[in-house]
Amino acid sequence: MTQLLSLSDRPTAVLASNDLTAIGALRAINRAVFHVPRDISLVGFDDIELCQCTQPPLTAIRLSRVELGQKAFDALYRSLEGQSGNGEEITVSTTLVLRQSTATVNRAWR
C-alpha cells in the first residue's frame, strides 16, 4: 500500500486479497495522512467480524465459508476418484457488503 500511495498516479480504490490485508492497507493509508474513503476507497475480501470495528468500517466481499468448504471437499473427492481434470474452474457465490470505506472518486487528490 505504501508503494501504491507513493505513485504519481495513485489509485482511487484498492481491493485487498483478504480483510486482514485491507486492515493493514488502512493503517498505511492513515499513516501517509490520506483518508479512507475521501482519498481512496478500500475493499476487503472475506468479511470477517473485525471489518465492522475498523475506522471507517470496512466494505468487504463476503463469501459463504460453508459453500467454499463444500466445493473444496467435492473437488478433492473428485480428484481422488480420478473424476477431475486439470484446470477445473469452481465458482463460489459472493456478496458485496457496503460499509463506509468506499465512496465516489475524488479526482482532485490524485
Protein backbone atom coordinates (compact mmCIF):
# COMPACT_ATOMS: atom_id res chain seq x y z
CA MET A 1 0.00 0.00 0.00
CA THR A 2 2.86 2.33 0.80
CA GLN A 3 4.24 1.83 -2.73
CA LEU A 4 0.83 2.49 -4.29
CA LEU A 5 0.47 5.71 -2.31
CA SER A 6 3.89 6.90 -3.49
CA LEU A 7 2.91 6.68 -7.18
CA SER A 8 2.37 9.94 -9.03
CA ASP A 9 -0.86 8.46 -10.43
CA ARG A 10 -2.29 6.92 -7.23
CA PRO A 11 -5.23 4.52 -7.42
CA THR A 12 -8.64 5.77 -6.35
CA ALA A 13 -9.60 2.34 -4.99
CA VAL A 14 -7.92 -0.85 -3.77
CA LEU A 15 -9.37 -4.34 -3.46
CA ALA A 16 -7.26 -6.34 -1.00
CA SER A 17 -6.82 -10.11 -1.23
CA ASN A 18 -8.35 -10.51 2.25
CA ASP A 19 -9.67 -8.42 5.12
CA LEU A 20 -6.51 -8.53 7.22
CA THR A 21 -4.53 -7.19 4.27
CA ALA A 22 -7.15 -4.45 3.82
CA ILE A 23 -6.82 -3.54 7.51
CA GLY A 24 -3.04 -3.26 7.03
CA ALA A 25 -3.65 -1.09 3.96
CA LEU A 26 -5.99 1.09 6.00
CA ARG A 27 -3.23 1.61 8.54
CA ALA A 28 -0.72 2.53 5.81
CA ILE A 29 -3.20 4.99 4.29
CA ASN A 30 -3.75 6.65 7.67
CA ARG A 31 -0.01 6.84 8.35
CA ALA A 32 0.50 8.52 4.97
CA VAL A 33 -2.06 11.15 6.07
CA PHE A 34 -4.61 10.15 3.43
CA HIS A 35 -8.22 9.39 4.29
CA VAL A 36 -10.49 6.46 3.52
CA PRO A 37 -12.83 6.85 1.65
CA ARG A 38 -12.33 10.53 0.75
CA ASP A 39 -8.92 9.95 -0.89
CA ILE A 40 -9.02 6.25 -1.63
CA SER A 41 -11.73 3.59 -1.38
CA LEU A 42 -10.78 0.30 0.22
CA VAL A 43 -12.45 -3.12 -0.03
CA GLY A 44 -11.51 -6.32 1.79
CA PHE A 45 -12.33 -9.92 0.96
CA ASP A 46 -13.85 -12.41 3.46
CA ASP A 47 -15.96 -10.08 5.63
CA ILE A 48 -14.53 -11.10 8.99
CA GLU A 49 -16.21 -9.62 12.09
CA LEU A 50 -13.33 -7.16 12.57
CA CYS A 51 -14.42 -5.28 9.42
CA GLN A 52 -17.22 -3.70 11.43
CA CYS A 53 -14.77 -2.42 14.06
CA THR A 54 -12.25 -0.56 11.88
CA GLN A 55 -12.42 3.18 11.39
CA PRO A 56 -14.08 3.59 8.99
CA PRO A 57 -15.90 0.24 8.91
CA LEU A 58 -14.50 -1.79 6.00
CA THR A 59 -16.53 -2.60 2.90
CA ALA A 60 -15.91 -6.26 2.08
CA ILE A 61 -16.78 -9.06 -0.27
CA ARG A 62 -18.43 -11.86 1.69
CA LEU A 63 -18.36 -15.47 0.64
CA SER A 64 -20.02 -18.45 2.26
CA ARG A 65 -17.42 -20.44 4.14
CA VAL A 66 -19.83 -23.39 4.14
CA GLU A 67 -20.15 -23.27 0.34
CA LEU A 68 -16.38 -22.82 -0.03
CA GLY A 69 -15.68 -25.81 2.21
CA GLN A 70 -18.26 -27.99 0.43
CA LYS A 71 -16.91 -27.16 -3.02
CA ALA A 72 -13.32 -27.73 -1.88
CA PHE A 73 -14.30 -31.12 -0.42
CA ASP A 74 -16.19 -32.07 -3.60
CA ALA A 75 -13.22 -31.09 -5.78
CA LEU A 76 -10.83 -33.09 -3.61
CA TYR A 77 -13.14 -36.10 -3.68
CA ARG A 78 -13.49 -35.93 -7.48
CA SER A 79 -9.71 -35.63 -7.80
CA LEU A 80 -9.12 -38.68 -5.58
CA GLU A 81 -11.67 -40.66 -7.61
CA GLY A 82 -9.97 -39.65 -10.86
CA GLN A 83 -13.05 -37.72 -12.00
CA SER A 84 -11.47 -34.30 -12.17
CA GLY A 85 -9.35 -32.88 -14.95
CA ASN A 86 -6.64 -30.28 -14.70
CA GLY A 87 -7.74 -26.67 -14.67
CA GLU A 88 -11.22 -27.19 -13.31
CA GLU A 89 -12.91 -23.87 -12.54
CA ILE A 90 -15.04 -23.71 -9.43
CA THR A 91 -17.14 -20.68 -8.52
CA VAL A 92 -18.35 -19.58 -5.11
CA SER A 93 -21.11 -17.01 -4.73
CA THR A 94 -20.19 -13.67 -3.17
CA THR A 95 -21.97 -10.63 -1.77
CA LEU A 96 -20.70 -7.06 -1.54
CA VAL A 97 -21.18 -5.74 2.00
CA LEU A 98 -21.14 -1.95 1.78
CA ARG A 99 -19.81 -0.07 4.77
CA GLN A 100 -18.04 3.29 4.99
CA SER A 101 -14.67 2.59 3.33
CA THR A 102 -15.89 3.27 -0.20
CA ALA A 103 -17.09 6.43 -1.94
CA THR A 104 -17.23 8.06 -5.35
CA VAL A 105 -13.95 9.06 -6.99
CA ASN A 106 -12.34 12.28 -5.79
CA ARG A 107 -10.17 13.14 -8.81
CA ALA A 108 -8.76 16.30 -7.22
CA TRP A 109 -6.49 14.43 -4.79
CA ARG A 110 -4.66 12.39 -7.42
